[in-house]
């Protein structure tokens, strides 16, 4: 008889100094936290067994988040006090926002990199010592210009070292500047027709290098723009 496997998806914050760590370090932090919680993680098969975990798309350095997702499987239920135990055994800047139990789902759950298709961000401009007082009129102008244009051109280097210019206009779903805060939704999942776009690259392309932003990832959406 096959042993029952419990499937969970948790939503975590990533604040403070954690915005300076890499995605790999973030993964290691969460896996170590689960082990400290005495969670009996399901491991992969093969010689080098590792926990069966999947993570939401990598958050660029210097960004914080309200919504980092992690899927994992266990041999036993995590317990009713899992939130308390988890937060006690991890970094103070990690809070467990939500824990969903998919153990009774009959069909196979889609992988996070397929399920997640869009992400919402908030970016608040911060003073630049070289610019002095923030000029929000410039931000408003660039925002309106971006919304009315057909192109957001960004140059990237290919693996062969060549410069490739790509139009990312379809990668922007929405953009708003209100009360000193930019709110926007960008493509972040796998898609043959719409390329994913990083929040920091988007802001640099639209508003230029002179602007500095405090950026936060707020939530993820599926292909139907349903919040995950």
Protein backbone atom coordinates (compact mmCIF):
# COMPACT_ATOMS: atom_id res chain seq x y z
CA UNK A 1 0.00 0.00 0.00
CA UNK A 2 1.39 3.36 -1.03
CA UNK A 3 2.09 5.76 1.82
CA UNK A 4 -0.07 8.90 1.90
CA UNK A 5 1.71 12.09 0.93
CA UNK A 6 0.61 15.49 2.21
CA UNK A 7 0.96 18.46 -0.14
CA UNK A 8 1.23 22.07 1.02
CA UNK A 9 1.72 25.52 -0.46
CA UNK A 10 2.84 28.32 1.83
CA UNK A 11 3.01 32.07 1.23
CA UNK A 12 5.88 33.92 2.90
CA UNK A 13 7.17 37.45 3.33
CA UNK A 14 10.73 38.39 2.49
CA UNK A 15 11.73 41.61 4.21
CA UNK A 16 14.68 43.43 5.71
CA UNK A 17 18.18 42.16 5.01
CA UNK A 18 16.75 39.18 3.14
CA UNK A 19 16.38 41.37 0.05
CA UNK A 20 20.18 41.14 -0.25
CA UNK A 21 20.35 37.33 -0.48
CA UNK A 22 20.26 35.27 -3.67
CA UNK A 23 17.42 32.99 -4.71
CA UNK A 24 19.56 29.94 -3.89
CA UNK A 25 20.23 31.23 -0.37
CA UNK A 26 16.49 31.89 0.01
CA UNK A 27 15.71 28.31 -0.98
CA UNK A 28 18.27 26.96 1.49
CA UNK A 29 16.86 29.15 4.26
CA UNK A 30 13.32 27.83 3.80
CA UNK A 31 14.37 24.18 3.52
CA UNK A 32 16.46 24.50 6.69
CA UNK A 33 13.50 26.12 8.42
CA UNK A 34 11.23 23.22 7.48
CA UNK A 35 13.79 20.78 8.84
CA UNK A 36 14.06 22.71 12.10
CA UNK A 37 10.29 22.41 12.36
CA UNK A 38 10.73 18.61 12.35
CA UNK A 39 8.69 18.37 9.16
CA UNK A 40 9.15 14.94 7.56
CA UNK A 41 9.80 16.12 4.02
CA UNK A 42 9.31 13.82 1.05
CA UNK A 43 12.63 13.41 -0.77
CA UNK A 44 13.41 12.92 -4.44
CA UNK A 45 14.57 9.55 -5.71
CA UNK A 46 18.10 8.79 -6.79
CA UNK A 47 21.54 8.91 -5.17
CA UNK A 48 21.50 12.56 -4.05
CA UNK A 49 18.12 12.85 -2.36
CA UNK A 50 16.80 16.36 -1.78
CA UNK A 51 13.42 17.61 -0.49
CA UNK A 52 10.64 17.80 -3.06
CA UNK A 53 10.15 21.58 -2.95
CA UNK A 54 9.33 24.17 -5.59
CA UNK A 55 9.60 27.95 -5.29
CA UNK A 56 7.99 30.91 -7.01
CA UNK A 57 10.11 32.80 -9.60
CA UNK A 58 13.31 34.29 -8.24
CA UNK A 59 13.00 37.72 -6.67
CA UNK A 60 15.72 40.09 -7.94
CA UNK A 61 18.18 41.41 -5.38
CA UNK A 62 17.11 44.53 -3.43
CA UNK A 63 13.39 43.71 -3.72
CA UNK A 64 11.16 42.68 -0.83
CA UNK A 65 8.00 40.61 -1.03
CA UNK A 66 4.63 39.86 0.57
CA UNK A 67 3.97 36.72 -1.45
CA UNK A 68 6.84 34.25 -1.96
CA UNK A 69 5.32 30.83 -2.61
CA UNK A 70 6.79 27.45 -1.65
CA UNK A 71 5.33 24.00 -2.36
CA UNK A 72 6.49 20.97 -0.39
CA UNK A 73 5.39 17.44 0.42
CA UNK A 74 5.48 15.61 3.75
CA UNK A 75 4.88 12.13 5.14
CA UNK A 76 2.87 13.53 8.06
CA UNK A 77 0.51 16.51 8.51
CA UNK A 78 2.31 19.69 9.57
CA UNK A 79 0.06 20.34 12.57
CA UNK A 80 -2.34 23.09 13.60
CA UNK A 81 0.42 25.22 15.17
CA UNK A 82 2.60 25.11 12.05
CA UNK A 83 2.60 28.91 11.61
CA UNK A 84 3.87 29.48 15.14
CA UNK A 85 6.51 26.76 14.88
CA UNK A 86 7.67 27.93 11.44
CA UNK A 87 8.12 31.57 12.41
CA UNK A 88 9.91 30.55 15.60
CA UNK A 89 12.51 28.64 13.58
CA UNK A 90 13.21 31.10 10.78
CA UNK A 91 14.53 34.61 10.18
CA UNK A 92 12.51 37.41 11.80
CA UNK A 93 11.86 38.92 8.36
CA UNK A 94 10.01 35.80 7.21
CA UNK A 95 6.33 35.59 8.16
CA UNK A 96 3.99 32.77 7.17
CA UNK A 97 1.04 34.53 5.55
CA UNK A 98 -0.87 31.47 4.40
CA UNK A 99 -0.65 27.66 4.41
CA UNK A 100 -2.86 25.78 1.96
CA UNK A 101 -3.37 22.02 2.16
CA UNK A 102 -3.76 20.26 -1.21
CA UNK A 103 -3.42 16.73 0.18
CA UNK A 104 -6.91 15.69 -0.93
CA UNK A 105 -6.57 17.00 -4.48
CA UNK A 106 -6.98 14.07 -6.86
CA UNK A 107 -5.44 15.65 -9.94
CA UNK A 108 -1.78 16.56 -10.21
CA UNK A 109 -1.10 20.16 -9.22
CA UNK A 110 0.55 22.39 -11.84
CA UNK A 111 4.12 23.44 -11.13
CA UNK A 112 4.56 26.94 -9.73
CA UNK A 113 6.52 28.14 -12.76
CA UNK A 114 3.51 27.21 -14.92
CA UNK A 115 0.76 28.24 -12.49
CA UNK A 116 2.24 31.70 -11.86
CA UNK A 117 1.84 33.95 -14.90
CA UNK A 118 1.73 37.53 -13.62
CA UNK A 119 2.98 39.44 -10.58
CA UNK A 120 1.88 42.71 -9.00
CA UNK A 121 4.47 45.16 -7.67
CA UNK A 122 4.56 48.40 -5.72
CA UNK A 123 7.43 50.83 -6.15
CA UNK A 124 7.88 53.94 -4.05
CA UNK A 125 10.47 56.47 -5.27
CA UNK A 126 13.15 57.33 -2.72
CA UNK A 127 15.29 60.48 -2.63
CA UNK A 128 18.48 60.45 -4.65
CA UNK A 129 21.23 62.58 -3.09
CA UNK A 130 22.19 63.85 -6.53
CA UNK A 131 18.64 64.88 -7.48
CA UNK A 132 17.35 66.54 -4.33
CA UNK A 133 13.57 66.94 -4.08
CA UNK A 134 11.57 64.31 -5.92
CA UNK A 135 9.79 65.61 -9.02
CA UNK A 136 6.59 63.59 -9.25
CA UNK A 137 5.52 65.44 -12.40
CA UNK A 138 8.30 63.65 -14.24
CA UNK A 139 7.03 60.30 -12.94
CA UNK A 140 3.48 61.14 -13.99
CA UNK A 141 4.66 62.13 -17.46
CA UNK A 142 6.67 58.93 -17.97
CA UNK A 143 3.77 56.82 -16.67
CA UNK A 144 1.27 58.35 -19.09
CA UNK A 145 3.80 58.10 -21.93
CA UNK A 146 4.36 54.41 -21.20
CA UNK A 147 0.62 53.66 -21.14
CA UNK A 148 0.06 55.38 -24.47
CA UNK A 149 3.04 53.89 -26.33
CA UNK A 150 3.27 50.62 -28.24
CA UNK A 151 6.83 49.77 -27.26
CA UNK A 152 8.93 49.18 -24.16
CA UNK A 153 12.30 48.40 -25.67
CA UNK A 154 14.94 46.71 -23.52
CA UNK A 155 18.36 45.56 -24.71
CA UNK A 156 19.80 42.32 -23.35
CA UNK A 157 22.89 40.31 -24.22
CA UNK A 158 22.38 36.86 -25.69
CA UNK A 159 24.43 33.81 -24.69
CA UNK A 160 26.66 34.59 -27.67
CA UNK A 161 27.34 38.08 -26.34
CA UNK A 162 25.22 39.88 -28.93
CA UNK A 163 22.85 42.71 -28.05
CA UNK A 164 19.19 41.86 -28.63
CA UNK A 165 16.42 44.46 -28.43
CA UNK A 166 13.01 43.14 -27.34
CA UNK A 167 9.66 44.91 -27.11
CA UNK A 168 8.14 44.16 -23.68
CA UNK A 169 4.95 46.21 -24.06
CA UNK A 170 2.74 43.10 -23.86
CA UNK A 171 4.56 42.09 -20.67
CA UNK A 172 2.94 45.06 -18.89
CA UNK A 173 -0.65 44.36 -17.88
CA UNK A 174 -1.35 47.53 -15.88
CA UNK A 175 0.43 50.60 -14.52
CA UNK A 176 -0.73 53.36 -12.16
CA UNK A 177 0.95 56.23 -10.34
CA UNK A 178 -1.08 57.52 -7.40
CA UNK A 179 -0.19 59.25 -4.12
CA UNK A 180 3.54 58.84 -4.74
CA UNK A 181 3.28 55.09 -5.37
CA UNK A 182 3.71 53.14 -8.60
CA UNK A 183 1.59 50.00 -8.91
CA UNK A 184 2.06 47.68 -11.88
CA UNK A 185 1.50 44.09 -13.04
CA UNK A 186 4.18 42.34 -15.10
CA UNK A 187 4.47 39.02 -16.90
CA UNK A 188 6.51 36.59 -14.83
CA UNK A 189 5.58 33.06 -15.95
CA UNK A 190 6.40 30.84 -18.89
CA UNK A 191 4.77 31.86 -22.15
CA UNK A 192 5.66 31.38 -25.81
CA UNK A 193 4.28 34.75 -26.87
CA UNK A 194 4.79 37.14 -23.92
CA UNK A 195 8.27 37.37 -22.36
CA UNK A 196 8.65 37.69 -18.60
CA UNK A 197 9.91 41.04 -17.30
CA UNK A 198 11.71 41.93 -14.08
CA UNK A 199 10.38 44.84 -12.05
CA UNK A 200 13.75 46.56 -11.74
CA UNK A 201 14.40 46.33 -15.49
CA UNK A 202 10.94 47.69 -16.24
CA UNK A 203 11.38 50.71 -13.97
CA UNK A 204 14.82 51.46 -15.41
CA UNK A 205 13.50 51.27 -18.98
CA UNK A 206 10.49 53.52 -18.35
CA UNK A 207 11.79 56.01 -15.78
CA UNK A 208 15.53 56.04 -16.39
CA UNK A 209 18.52 55.36 -14.16
CA UNK A 210 18.27 58.54 -12.06
CA UNK A 211 15.22 57.27 -10.18
CA UNK A 212 15.65 55.03 -7.14
CA UNK A 213 12.75 52.87 -5.96
CA UNK A 214 11.82 50.80 -2.94
CA UNK A 215 10.19 47.83 -4.72
CA UNK A 216 7.91 45.17 -3.26
CA UNK A 217 6.28 42.17 -4.90
CA UNK A 218 2.70 42.16 -3.65
CA UNK A 219 1.02 39.08 -5.13
CA UNK A 220 1.01 36.53 -7.93
CA UNK A 221 -1.74 35.80 -10.48
CA UNK A 222 -2.54 32.82 -12.66
CA UNK A 223 -3.30 33.11 -16.40
CA UNK A 224 -6.83 34.36 -15.60
CA UNK A 225 -5.45 37.03 -13.24
CA UNK A 226 -6.75 35.19 -10.21
CA UNK A 227 -4.71 35.92 -7.07
CA UNK A 228 -2.67 32.97 -5.84
